[in-house]
Amino acid sequence: MITPLLDPTVITATSGLIAIIVIAAALLRGWQGWLELKRQELDRAAPARAGAEEGSTIGTARIELADLKERIRKLEAIASGVEL
């Protein structure tokens, strides 16, 4: 007579549950490692971005100014009836 704990379905179910727990733990550990890697990348990039933002604001302002001038030129051409 087979005892209830040695029943093949109980052993299969228990083995499957343990396998799922092991896989989930491994995936969770990998996910946490990936998040830590991304945090480190952001921390390393933050000082470089801070210095770049100061210098790039002038360049950005020039680009925006050129864009506005181009829009004004197009609007004036439309207002005067000139085809572009």
C-alpha atoms as a PDB file:
ATOM      1  CA  MET A   1       0.000   0.000   0.000  1.00  0.00           C
ATOM      2  CA  ILE A   2       1.317   3.445  -0.992  1.00  0.00           C
ATOM      3  CA  THR A   3       1.266   6.080   1.719  1.00  0.00           C
ATOM      4  CA  PRO A   4      -0.403   9.388   0.824  1.00  0.00           C
ATOM      5  CA  LEU A   5       2.932  11.308   0.977  1.00  0.00           C
ATOM      6  CA  LEU A   6       4.599   8.958  -1.506  1.00  0.00           C
ATOM      7  CA  ASP A   7       1.776   9.169  -4.006  1.00  0.00           C
ATOM      8  CA  PRO A   8       3.225  10.017  -7.476  1.00  0.00           C
ATOM      9  CA  THR A   9       0.888  13.001  -7.967  1.00  0.00           C
ATOM     10  CA  VAL A  10       1.936  14.509  -4.620  1.00  0.00           C
ATOM     11  CA  ILE A  11       5.619  14.042  -5.473  1.00  0.00           C
ATOM     12  CA  THR A  12       5.106  15.552  -8.934  1.00  0.00           C
ATOM     13  CA  ALA A  13       3.164  18.512  -7.555  1.00  0.00           C
ATOM     14  CA  THR A  14       5.748  19.149  -4.843  1.00  0.00           C
ATOM     15  CA  SER A  15       8.612  18.927  -7.345  1.00  0.00           C
ATOM     16  CA  GLY A  16       6.836  21.346  -9.680  1.00  0.00           C
ATOM     17  CA  LEU A  17       6.193  23.801  -6.855  1.00  0.00           C
ATOM     18  CA  ILE A  18       9.825  23.689  -5.748  1.00  0.00           C
ATOM     19  CA  ALA A  19      10.974  24.201  -9.346  1.00  0.00           C
ATOM     20  CA  ILE A  20       8.702  27.237  -9.732  1.00  0.00           C
ATOM     21  CA  ILE A  21      10.005  28.716  -6.456  1.00  0.00           C
ATOM     22  CA  VAL A  22      13.636  28.229  -7.530  1.00  0.00           C
ATOM     23  CA  ILE A  23      13.011  29.786 -10.948  1.00  0.00           C
ATOM     24  CA  ALA A  24      11.111  32.723  -9.442  1.00  0.00           C
ATOM     25  CA  ALA A  25      13.916  33.357  -6.929  1.00  0.00           C
ATOM     26  CA  ALA A  26      16.544  33.295  -9.699  1.00  0.00           C
ATOM     27  CA  LEU A  27      14.513  35.683 -11.860  1.00  0.00           C
ATOM     28  CA  LEU A  28      13.948  38.037  -8.926  1.00  0.00           C
ATOM     29  CA  ARG A  29      17.655  38.088  -8.144  1.00  0.00           C
ATOM     30  CA  GLY A  30      18.470  38.821 -11.785  1.00  0.00           C
ATOM     31  CA  TRP A  31      15.868  41.609 -11.902  1.00  0.00           C
ATOM     32  CA  GLN A  32      17.299  43.215  -8.763  1.00  0.00           C
ATOM     33  CA  GLY A  33      20.799  43.023 -10.228  1.00  0.00           C
ATOM     34  CA  TRP A  34      19.612  44.656 -13.451  1.00  0.00           C
ATOM     35  CA  LEU A  35      17.908  47.453 -11.513  1.00  0.00           C
ATOM     36  CA  GLU A  36      21.075  48.041  -9.484  1.00  0.00           C
ATOM     37  CA  LEU A  37      23.094  48.215 -12.714  1.00  0.00           C
ATOM     38  CA  LYS A  38      20.708  50.823 -14.149  1.00  0.00           C
ATOM     39  CA  ARG A  39      20.886  52.824 -10.891  1.00  0.00           C
ATOM     40  CA  GLN A  40      24.680  52.854 -11.118  1.00  0.00           C
ATOM     41  CA  GLU A  41      24.537  53.964 -14.757  1.00  0.00           C
ATOM     42  CA  LEU A  42      22.208  56.829 -13.834  1.00  0.00           C
ATOM     43  CA  ASP A  43      24.405  57.847 -10.901  1.00  0.00           C
ATOM     44  CA  ARG A  44      27.481  57.894 -13.145  1.00  0.00           C
ATOM     45  CA  ALA A  45      25.690  59.874 -15.853  1.00  0.00           C
ATOM     46  CA  ALA A  46      24.203  62.486 -13.474  1.00  0.00           C
ATOM     47  CA  PRO A  47      27.419  64.545 -12.936  1.00  0.00           C
ATOM     48  CA  ALA A  48      28.210  64.471 -16.654  1.00  0.00           C
ATOM     49  CA  ARG A  49      24.687  65.621 -17.510  1.00  0.00           C
ATOM     50  CA  ALA A  50      24.845  68.459 -14.974  1.00  0.00           C
ATOM     51  CA  GLY A  51      27.918  69.937 -16.662  1.00  0.00           C
ATOM     52  CA  ALA A  52      26.557  69.364 -20.137  1.00  0.00           C
ATOM     53  CA  GLU A  53      23.249  71.050 -19.378  1.00  0.00           C
ATOM     54  CA  GLU A  54      24.929  74.336 -18.489  1.00  0.00           C
ATOM     55  CA  GLY A  55      26.825  74.483 -21.760  1.00  0.00           C
ATOM     56  CA  SER A  56      24.007  73.166 -23.879  1.00  0.00           C
ATOM     57  CA  THR A  57      21.462  75.762 -22.781  1.00  0.00           C
ATOM     58  CA  ILE A  58      23.169  78.347 -24.973  1.00  0.00           C
ATOM     59  CA  GLY A  59      23.126  75.998 -27.941  1.00  0.00           C
ATOM     60  CA  THR A  60      19.517  75.086 -27.293  1.00  0.00           C
ATOM     61  CA  ALA A  61      18.554  78.756 -27.073  1.00  0.00           C
ATOM     62  CA  ARG A  62      20.253  79.433 -30.407  1.00  0.00           C
ATOM     63  CA  ILE A  63      18.435  76.549 -32.071  1.00  0.00           C
ATOM     64  CA  GLU A  64      15.098  77.709 -30.681  1.00  0.00           C
ATOM     65  CA  LEU A  65      15.796  81.274 -31.800  1.00  0.00           C
ATOM     66  CA  ALA A  66      16.660  80.099 -35.320  1.00  0.00           C
ATOM     67  CA  ASP A  67      13.487  78.012 -35.375  1.00  0.00           C
ATOM     68  CA  LEU A  68      11.386  81.009 -34.321  1.00  0.00           C
ATOM     69  CA  LYS A  69      12.998  83.207 -36.971  1.00  0.00           C
ATOM     70  CA  GLU A  70      12.220  80.603 -39.627  1.00  0.00           C
ATOM     71  CA  ARG A  71       8.592  80.416 -38.507  1.00  0.00           C
ATOM     72  CA  ILE A  72       8.272  84.195 -38.567  1.00  0.00           C
ATOM     73  CA  ARG A  73       9.759  84.301 -42.071  1.00  0.00           C
ATOM     74  CA  LYS A  74       7.239  81.693 -43.256  1.00  0.00           C
ATOM     75  CA  LEU A  75       4.312  83.520 -41.627  1.00  0.00           C
ATOM     76  CA  GLU A  76       5.376  86.812 -43.212  1.00  0.00           C
ATOM     77  CA  ALA A  77       5.607  85.103 -46.603  1.00  0.00           C
ATOM     78  CA  ILE A  78       2.103  83.662 -46.157  1.00  0.00           C
ATOM     79  CA  ALA A  79       0.769  87.067 -45.088  1.00  0.00           C
ATOM     80  CA  SER A  80       2.250  88.772 -48.139  1.00  0.00           C
ATOM     81  CA  GLY A  81       0.967  86.024 -50.451  1.00  0.00           C
ATOM     82  CA  VAL A  82       4.387  84.782 -51.574  1.00  0.00           C
ATOM     83  CA  GLU A  83       4.706  81.080 -52.381  1.00  0.00           C
ATOM     84  CA  LEU A  84       7.586  79.327 -50.642  1.00  0.00           C
END
